[in-house]
């Protein structure tokens, strides 16, 4: 499962909004008894201006690492 959002550099409200969306996703998964593989969870920032968002983004008290690339179905982004 993937969750995408646009985080504006000038806005401090976007990262908490992303965190709220992640929390909703985690609550939904728990409600439907779907286990989340934390080892497969990560944050990837696509920007020329890399911000330190990884320190703010967590899922079920697990700090998601910030990665520079991710592979999905054999495609590396």
PDB file of N, CA and C in Angstrom:
ATOM      1  N   UNK A   1       0.848  -1.167   0.000  1.00  0.00           N
ATOM      2  CA  UNK A   1       0.000   0.000   0.000  1.00  0.00           C
ATOM      3  C   UNK A   1       0.893   1.228   0.000  1.00  0.00           C
ATOM      4  N   UNK A   2       0.481   2.237  -0.707  1.00  0.00           N
ATOM      5  CA  UNK A   2       1.242   3.474  -0.777  1.00  0.00           C
ATOM      6  C   UNK A   2       0.353   4.656  -0.417  1.00  0.00           C
ATOM      7  N   UNK A   3       0.981   5.625   0.194  1.00  0.00           N
ATOM      8  CA  UNK A   3       0.283   6.852   0.553  1.00  0.00           C
ATOM      9  C   UNK A   3       1.132   7.998   0.036  1.00  0.00           C
ATOM     10  N   UNK A   4       0.547   8.815  -0.809  1.00  0.00           N
ATOM     11  CA  UNK A   4       1.252   9.946  -1.412  1.00  0.00           C
ATOM     12  C   UNK A   4       0.631  11.247  -0.935  1.00  0.00           C
ATOM     13  N   UNK A   5       1.469  12.262  -0.771  1.00  0.00           N
ATOM     14  CA  UNK A   5       0.949  13.589  -0.456  1.00  0.00           C
ATOM     15  C   UNK A   5       1.961  14.634  -0.920  1.00  0.00           C
ATOM     16  N   UNK A   6       1.455  15.825  -1.108  1.00  0.00           N
ATOM     17  CA  UNK A   6       2.305  16.954  -1.477  1.00  0.00           C
ATOM     18  C   UNK A   6       2.575  17.752  -0.215  1.00  0.00           C
ATOM     19  N   UNK A   7       3.844  17.924   0.124  1.00  0.00           N
ATOM     20  CA  UNK A   7       4.231  18.704   1.298  1.00  0.00           C
ATOM     21  C   UNK A   7       4.943  19.944   0.806  1.00  0.00           C
ATOM     22  N   UNK A   8       4.337  21.086   1.049  1.00  0.00           N
ATOM     23  CA  UNK A   8       4.933  22.347   0.609  1.00  0.00           C
ATOM     24  C   UNK A   8       6.039  22.771   1.586  1.00  0.00           C
ATOM     25  N   UNK A   9       7.129  23.226   1.041  1.00  0.00           N
ATOM     26  CA  UNK A   9       8.260  23.650   1.862  1.00  0.00           C
ATOM     27  C   UNK A   9       7.857  24.798   2.782  1.00  0.00           C
ATOM     28  N   UNK A  10       6.985  25.672   2.304  1.00  0.00           N
ATOM     29  CA  UNK A  10       6.616  26.854   3.083  1.00  0.00           C
ATOM     30  C   UNK A  10       5.533  26.573   4.130  1.00  0.00           C
ATOM     31  N   UNK A  11       4.957  25.371   4.126  1.00  0.00           N
ATOM     32  CA  UNK A  11       3.856  25.081   5.040  1.00  0.00           C
ATOM     33  C   UNK A  11       4.273  24.111   6.132  1.00  0.00           C
ATOM     34  N   UNK A  12       4.010  24.482   7.369  1.00  0.00           N
ATOM     35  CA  UNK A  12       4.288  23.594   8.497  1.00  0.00           C
ATOM     36  C   UNK A  12       3.112  22.671   8.789  1.00  0.00           C
ATOM     37  N   UNK A  13       1.981  22.885   8.121  1.00  0.00           N
ATOM     38  CA  UNK A  13       0.791  22.083   8.375  1.00  0.00           C
ATOM     39  C   UNK A  13       0.762  20.789   7.568  1.00  0.00           C
ATOM     40  N   UNK A  14       1.570  20.673   6.539  1.00  0.00           N
ATOM     41  CA  UNK A  14       1.498  19.517   5.655  1.00  0.00           C
ATOM     42  C   UNK A  14       2.028  18.236   6.297  1.00  0.00           C
ATOM     43  N   UNK A  15       3.122  18.308   7.052  1.00  0.00           N
ATOM     44  CA  UNK A  15       3.663  17.103   7.682  1.00  0.00           C
ATOM     45  C   UNK A  15       2.695  16.557   8.732  1.00  0.00           C
ATOM     46  N   UNK A  16       2.110  17.380   9.610  1.00  0.00           N
ATOM     47  CA  UNK A  16       1.100  16.836  10.527  1.00  0.00           C
ATOM     48  C   UNK A  16      -0.112  16.254   9.799  1.00  0.00           C
ATOM     49  N   UNK A  17      -0.480  16.820   8.666  1.00  0.00           N
ATOM     50  CA  UNK A  17      -1.578  16.263   7.876  1.00  0.00           C
ATOM     51  C   UNK A  17      -1.191  14.888   7.349  1.00  0.00           C
ATOM     52  N   UNK A  18       0.040  14.734   6.880  1.00  0.00           N
ATOM     53  CA  UNK A  18       0.531  13.434   6.432  1.00  0.00           C
ATOM     54  C   UNK A  18       0.496  12.446   7.594  1.00  0.00           C
ATOM     55  N   UNK A  19       0.939  12.871   8.763  1.00  0.00           N
ATOM     56  CA  UNK A  19       0.930  11.990   9.936  1.00  0.00           C
ATOM     57  C   UNK A  19      -0.496  11.569  10.289  1.00  0.00           C
ATOM     58  N   UNK A  20      -1.445  12.486  10.197  1.00  0.00           N
ATOM     59  CA  UNK A  20      -2.852  12.163  10.467  1.00  0.00           C
ATOM     60  C   UNK A  20      -3.353  11.114   9.478  1.00  0.00           C
ATOM     61  N   UNK A  21      -2.985  11.248   8.208  1.00  0.00           N
ATOM     62  CA  UNK A  21      -3.397  10.274   7.194  1.00  0.00           C
ATOM     63  C   UNK A  21      -2.792   8.901   7.485  1.00  0.00           C
ATOM     64  N   UNK A  22      -1.531   8.873   7.903  1.00  0.00           N
ATOM     65  CA  UNK A  22      -0.876   7.614   8.248  1.00  0.00           C
ATOM     66  C   UNK A  22      -1.557   6.979   9.453  1.00  0.00           C
ATOM     67  N   UNK A  23      -1.913   7.792  10.441  1.00  0.00           N
ATOM     68  CA  UNK A  23      -2.614   7.274  11.623  1.00  0.00           C
ATOM     69  C   UNK A  23      -3.963   6.679  11.243  1.00  0.00           C
ATOM     70  N   UNK A  24      -4.678   7.339  10.342  1.00  0.00           N
ATOM     71  CA  UNK A  24      -5.974   6.814   9.874  1.00  0.00           C
ATOM     72  C   UNK A  24      -5.783   5.476   9.167  1.00  0.00           C
ATOM     73  N   UNK A  25      -4.742   5.377   8.348  1.00  0.00           N
ATOM     74  CA  UNK A  25      -4.446   4.132   7.652  1.00  0.00           C
ATOM     75  C   UNK A  25      -4.133   3.016   8.649  1.00  0.00           C
ATOM     76  N   UNK A  26      -3.331   3.318   9.667  1.00  0.00           N
ATOM     77  CA  UNK A  26      -2.982   2.320  10.683  1.00  0.00           C
ATOM     78  C   UNK A  26      -4.222   1.887  11.470  1.00  0.00           C
ATOM     79  N   UNK A  27      -5.096   2.828  11.804  1.00  0.00           N
ATOM     80  CA  UNK A  27      -6.328   2.492  12.517  1.00  0.00           C
ATOM     81  C   UNK A  27      -7.237   1.613  11.668  1.00  0.00           C
ATOM     82  N   UNK A  28      -7.320   1.923  10.373  1.00  0.00           N
ATOM     83  CA  UNK A  28      -8.130   1.121   9.453  1.00  0.00           C
ATOM     84  C   UNK A  28      -7.592  -0.308   9.385  1.00  0.00           C
ATOM     85  N   UNK A  29      -6.269  -0.437   9.273  1.00  0.00           N
ATOM     86  CA  UNK A  29      -5.649  -1.764   9.196  1.00  0.00           C
ATOM     87  C   UNK A  29      -5.897  -2.557  10.473  1.00  0.00           C
ATOM     88  N   UNK A  30      -5.817  -1.872  11.607  1.00  0.00           N
ATOM     89  CA  UNK A  30      -6.073  -2.553  12.884  1.00  0.00           C
ATOM     90  C   UNK A  30      -7.535  -2.985  12.980  1.00  0.00           C
ATOM     91  N   UNK A  31      -8.453  -2.142  12.565  1.00  0.00           N
ATOM     92  CA  UNK A  31      -9.874  -2.462  12.593  1.00  0.00           C
ATOM     93  C   UNK A  31     -10.172  -3.720  11.773  1.00  0.00           C
ATOM     94  N   UNK A  32      -9.541  -3.834  10.614  1.00  0.00           N
ATOM     95  CA  UNK A  32      -9.769  -4.963   9.716  1.00  0.00           C
ATOM     96  C   UNK A  32      -8.766  -6.100   9.928  1.00  0.00           C
ATOM     97  N   UNK A  33      -8.007  -6.007  11.031  1.00  0.00           N
ATOM     98  CA  UNK A  33      -7.048  -7.041  11.435  1.00  0.00           C
ATOM     99  C   UNK A  33      -6.028  -7.351  10.340  1.00  0.00           C
ATOM    100  N   UNK A  34      -5.546  -6.297   9.702  1.00  0.00           N
ATOM    101  CA  UNK A  34      -4.496  -6.414   8.696  1.00  0.00           C
ATOM    102  C   UNK A  34      -3.179  -5.965   9.329  1.00  0.00           C
ATOM    103  N   UNK A  35      -2.224  -6.856   9.385  1.00  0.00           N
ATOM    104  CA  UNK A  35      -0.949  -6.515   9.999  1.00  0.00           C
ATOM    105  C   UNK A  35      -0.105  -5.694   9.044  1.00  0.00           C
ATOM    106  N   UNK A  36       0.549  -4.693   9.563  1.00  0.00           N
ATOM    107  CA  UNK A  36       1.437  -3.837   8.780  1.00  0.00           C
ATOM    108  C   UNK A  36       2.867  -4.315   8.992  1.00  0.00           C
ATOM    109  N   UNK A  37       3.587  -4.542   7.917  1.00  0.00           N
ATOM    110  CA  UNK A  37       4.989  -4.943   8.002  1.00  0.00           C
ATOM    111  C   UNK A  37       5.839  -3.676   8.129  1.00  0.00           C
ATOM    112  N   UNK A  38       6.244  -3.366   9.350  1.00  0.00           N
ATOM    113  CA  UNK A  38       6.988  -2.135   9.595  1.00  0.00           C
ATOM    114  C   UNK A  38       8.325  -2.117   8.862  1.00  0.00           C
ATOM    115  N   UNK A  39       8.918  -3.284   8.642  1.00  0.00           N
ATOM    116  CA  UNK A  39      10.203  -3.352   7.943  1.00  0.00           C
ATOM    117  C   UNK A  39      10.077  -2.870   6.498  1.00  0.00           C
ATOM    118  N   UNK A  40       8.869  -2.893   5.954  1.00  0.00           N
ATOM    119  CA  UNK A  40       8.647  -2.449   4.582  1.00  0.00           C
ATOM    120  C   UNK A  40       8.148  -1.010   4.505  1.00  0.00           C
ATOM    121  N   UNK A  41       7.982  -0.347   5.628  1.00  0.00           N
ATOM    122  CA  UNK A  41       7.485   1.030   5.659  1.00  0.00           C
ATOM    123  C   UNK A  41       8.651   2.009   5.586  1.00  0.00           C
ATOM    124  N   UNK A  42       8.510   3.019   4.749  1.00  0.00           N
ATOM    125  CA  UNK A  42       9.555   4.034   4.631  1.00  0.00           C
ATOM    126  C   UNK A  42       8.961   5.317   4.069  1.00  0.00           C
ATOM    127  N   UNK A  43       9.763   6.360   4.107  1.00  0.00           N
ATOM    128  CA  UNK A  43       9.391   7.666   3.572  1.00  0.00           C
ATOM    129  C   UNK A  43      10.385   7.998   2.468  1.00  0.00           C
ATOM    130  N   UNK A  44       9.879   8.469   1.349  1.00  0.00           N
ATOM    131  CA  UNK A  44      10.761   8.910   0.275  1.00  0.00           C
ATOM    132  C   UNK A  44      10.351  10.318  -0.123  1.00  0.00           C
ATOM    133  N   UNK A  45      11.297  11.224  -0.039  1.00  0.00           N
ATOM    134  CA  UNK A  45      11.060  12.621  -0.389  1.00  0.00           C
ATOM    135  C   UNK A  45      11.523  12.842  -1.822  1.00  0.00           C
ATOM    136  N   UNK A  46      10.619  13.314  -2.652  1.00  0.00           N
ATOM    137  CA  UNK A  46      10.962  13.632  -4.039  1.00  0.00           C
ATOM    138  C   UNK A  46      11.008  15.143  -4.168  1.00  0.00           C
ATOM    139  N   UNK A  47      12.212  15.696  -4.080  1.00  0.00           N
ATOM    140  CA  UNK A  47      12.347  17.144  -4.083  1.00  0.00           C
ATOM    141  C   UNK A  47      13.792  17.534  -4.334  1.00  0.00           C
ATOM    142  N   UNK A  48      13.968  18.722  -4.839  1.00  0.00           N
ATOM    143  CA  UNK A  48      15.312  19.286  -4.936  1.00  0.00           C
ATOM    144  C   UNK A  48      15.734  19.843  -3.580  1.00  0.00           C
ATOM    145  N   UNK A  49      14.753  20.199  -2.767  1.00  0.00           N
ATOM    146  CA  UNK A  49      14.952  20.749  -1.434  1.00  0.00           C
ATOM    147  C   UNK A  49      14.581  19.685  -0.415  1.00  0.00           C
ATOM    148  N   UNK A  50      15.502  18.838  -0.015  1.00  0.00           N
ATOM    149  CA  UNK A  50      15.173  17.765   0.917  1.00  0.00           C
ATOM    150  C   UNK A  50      14.938  18.327   2.312  1.00  0.00           C
ATOM    151  N   UNK A  51      13.760  18.060   2.841  1.00  0.00           N
ATOM    152  CA  UNK A  51      13.437  18.463   4.207  1.00  0.00           C
ATOM    153  C   UNK A  51      13.580  17.268   5.121  1.00  0.00           C
ATOM    154  N   UNK A  52      13.730  17.507   6.377  1.00  0.00           N
ATOM    155  CA  UNK A  52      13.875  16.434   7.358  1.00  0.00           C
ATOM    156  C   UNK A  52      12.505  15.971   7.846  1.00  0.00           C
ATOM    157  N   UNK A  53      11.709  15.381   6.954  1.00  0.00           N
ATOM    158  CA  UNK A  53      10.373  14.926   7.336  1.00  0.00           C
ATOM    159  C   UNK A  53      10.410  13.597   8.065  1.00  0.00           C
ATOM    160  N   UNK A  54      11.474  12.812   7.877  1.00  0.00           N
ATOM    161  CA  UNK A  54      11.500  11.482   8.456  1.00  0.00           C
ATOM    162  C   UNK A  54      11.433  11.490   9.982  1.00  0.00           C
ATOM    163  N   UNK A  55      11.875  12.551  10.605  1.00  0.00           N
ATOM    164  CA  UNK A  55      11.829  12.586  12.059  1.00  0.00           C
ATOM    165  C   UNK A  55      10.406  12.787  12.584  1.00  0.00           C
ATOM    166  N   UNK A  56       9.500  13.204  11.744  1.00  0.00           N
ATOM    167  CA  UNK A  56       8.134  13.459  12.162  1.00  0.00           C
ATOM    168  C   UNK A  56       7.168  12.336  11.788  1.00  0.00           C
ATOM    169  N   UNK A  57       7.574  11.452  10.890  1.00  0.00           N
ATOM    170  CA  UNK A  57       6.640  10.486  10.351  1.00  0.00           C
ATOM    171  C   UNK A  57       6.811   9.136  11.041  1.00  0.00           C
ATOM    172  N   UNK A  58       5.710   8.673  11.657  1.00  0.00           N
ATOM    173  CA  UNK A  58       5.711   7.423  12.411  1.00  0.00           C
ATOM    174  C   UNK A  58       4.449   6.648  12.069  1.00  0.00           C
ATOM    175  N   UNK A  59       4.535   5.341  12.217  1.00  0.00           N
ATOM    176  CA  UNK A  59       3.361   4.504  12.074  1.00  0.00           C
ATOM    177  C   UNK A  59       3.340   3.545  13.260  1.00  0.00           C
ATOM    178  N   UNK A  60       2.294   3.626  14.056  1.00  0.00           N
ATOM    179  CA  UNK A  60       2.171   2.802  15.270  1.00  0.00           C
ATOM    180  C   UNK A  60       3.430   2.860  16.134  1.00  0.00           C
ATOM    181  N   UNK A  61       3.932   4.045  16.398  1.00  0.00           N
ATOM    182  CA  UNK A  61       5.129   4.279  17.209  1.00  0.00           C
ATOM    183  C   UNK A  61       6.409   3.720  16.599  1.00  0.00           C
ATOM    184  N   UNK A  62       6.409   3.476  15.314  1.00  0.00           N
ATOM    185  CA  UNK A  62       7.594   3.027  14.592  1.00  0.00           C
ATOM    186  C   UNK A  62       8.063   4.183  13.714  1.00  0.00           C
ATOM    187  N   UNK A  63       9.308   4.623  13.917  1.00  0.00           N
ATOM    188  CA  UNK A  63       9.876   5.691  13.088  1.00  0.00           C
ATOM    189  C   UNK A  63      10.173   5.136  11.701  1.00  0.00           C
ATOM    190  N   UNK A  64       9.533   5.706  10.701  1.00  0.00           N
ATOM    191  CA  UNK A  64       9.782   5.256   9.334  1.00  0.00           C
ATOM    192  C   UNK A  64      11.057   5.902   8.816  1.00  0.00           C
ATOM    193  N   UNK A  65      11.988   5.084   8.296  1.00  0.00           N
ATOM    194  CA  UNK A  65      13.230   5.659   7.781  1.00  0.00           C
ATOM    195  C   UNK A  65      12.993   6.391   6.467  1.00  0.00           C
ATOM    196  N   UNK A  66      13.825   7.390   6.219  1.00  0.00           N
ATOM    197  CA  UNK A  66      13.781   8.118   4.954  1.00  0.00           C
ATOM    198  C   UNK A  66      14.748   7.422   4.008  1.00  0.00           C
ATOM    199  N   UNK A  67      14.250   7.044   2.831  1.00  0.00           N
ATOM    200  CA  UNK A  67      15.068   6.329   1.849  1.00  0.00           C
ATOM    201  C   UNK A  67      15.230   7.159   0.588  1.00  0.00           C
ATOM    202  N   UNK A  68      16.294   6.874  -0.169  1.00  0.00           N
ATOM    203  CA  UNK A  68      16.513   7.603  -1.412  1.00  0.00           C
ATOM    204  C   UNK A  68      15.967   6.846  -2.613  1.00  0.00           C
ATOM    205  N   UNK A  69      15.668   5.560  -2.436  1.00  0.00           N
ATOM    206  CA  UNK A  69      15.051   4.788  -3.504  1.00  0.00           C
ATOM    207  C   UNK A  69      14.230   3.659  -2.904  1.00  0.00           C
ATOM    208  N   UNK A  70      13.253   3.213  -3.674  1.00  0.00           N
ATOM    209  CA  UNK A  70      12.392   2.119  -3.235  1.00  0.00           C
ATOM    210  C   UNK A  70      12.087   1.249  -4.444  1.00  0.00           C
ATOM    211  N   UNK A  71      11.998  -0.056  -4.215  1.00  0.00           N
ATOM    212  CA  UNK A  71      11.691  -0.981  -5.300  1.00  0.00           C
ATOM    213  C   UNK A  71      10.311  -1.558  -5.068  1.00  0.00           C
ATOM    214  N   UNK A  72       9.497  -1.566  -6.124  1.00  0.00           N
ATOM    215  CA  UNK A  72       8.135  -2.089  -6.031  1.00  0.00           C
ATOM    216  C   UNK A  72       7.825  -2.843  -7.311  1.00  0.00           C
ATOM    217  N   UNK A  73       7.523  -4.113  -7.182  1.00  0.00           N
ATOM    218  CA  UNK A  73       7.221  -4.966  -8.330  1.00  0.00           C
ATOM    219  C   UNK A  73       8.339  -4.912  -9.379  1.00  0.00           C
ATOM    220  N   UNK A  74       9.587  -4.857  -8.900  1.00  0.00           N
ATOM    221  CA  UNK A  74      10.733  -4.862  -9.790  1.00  0.00           C
ATOM    222  C   UNK A  74      11.114  -3.530 -10.382  1.00  0.00           C
ATOM    223  N   UNK A  75      10.375  -2.488 -10.040  1.00  0.00           N
ATOM    224  CA  UNK A  75      10.670  -1.147 -10.545  1.00  0.00           C
ATOM    225  C   UNK A  75      11.285  -0.321  -9.415  1.00  0.00           C
ATOM    226  N   UNK A  76      12.445   0.255  -9.654  1.00  0.00           N
ATOM    227  CA  UNK A  76      13.108   1.073  -8.646  1.00  0.00           C
ATOM    228  C   UNK A  76      12.847   2.541  -8.939  1.00  0.00           C
ATOM    229  N   UNK A  77      12.355   3.238  -7.937  1.00  0.00           N
ATOM    230  CA  UNK A  77      12.094   4.666  -8.047  1.00  0.00           C
ATOM    231  C   UNK A  77      13.129   5.388  -7.229  1.00  0.00           C
TER     232      UNK A  77
END
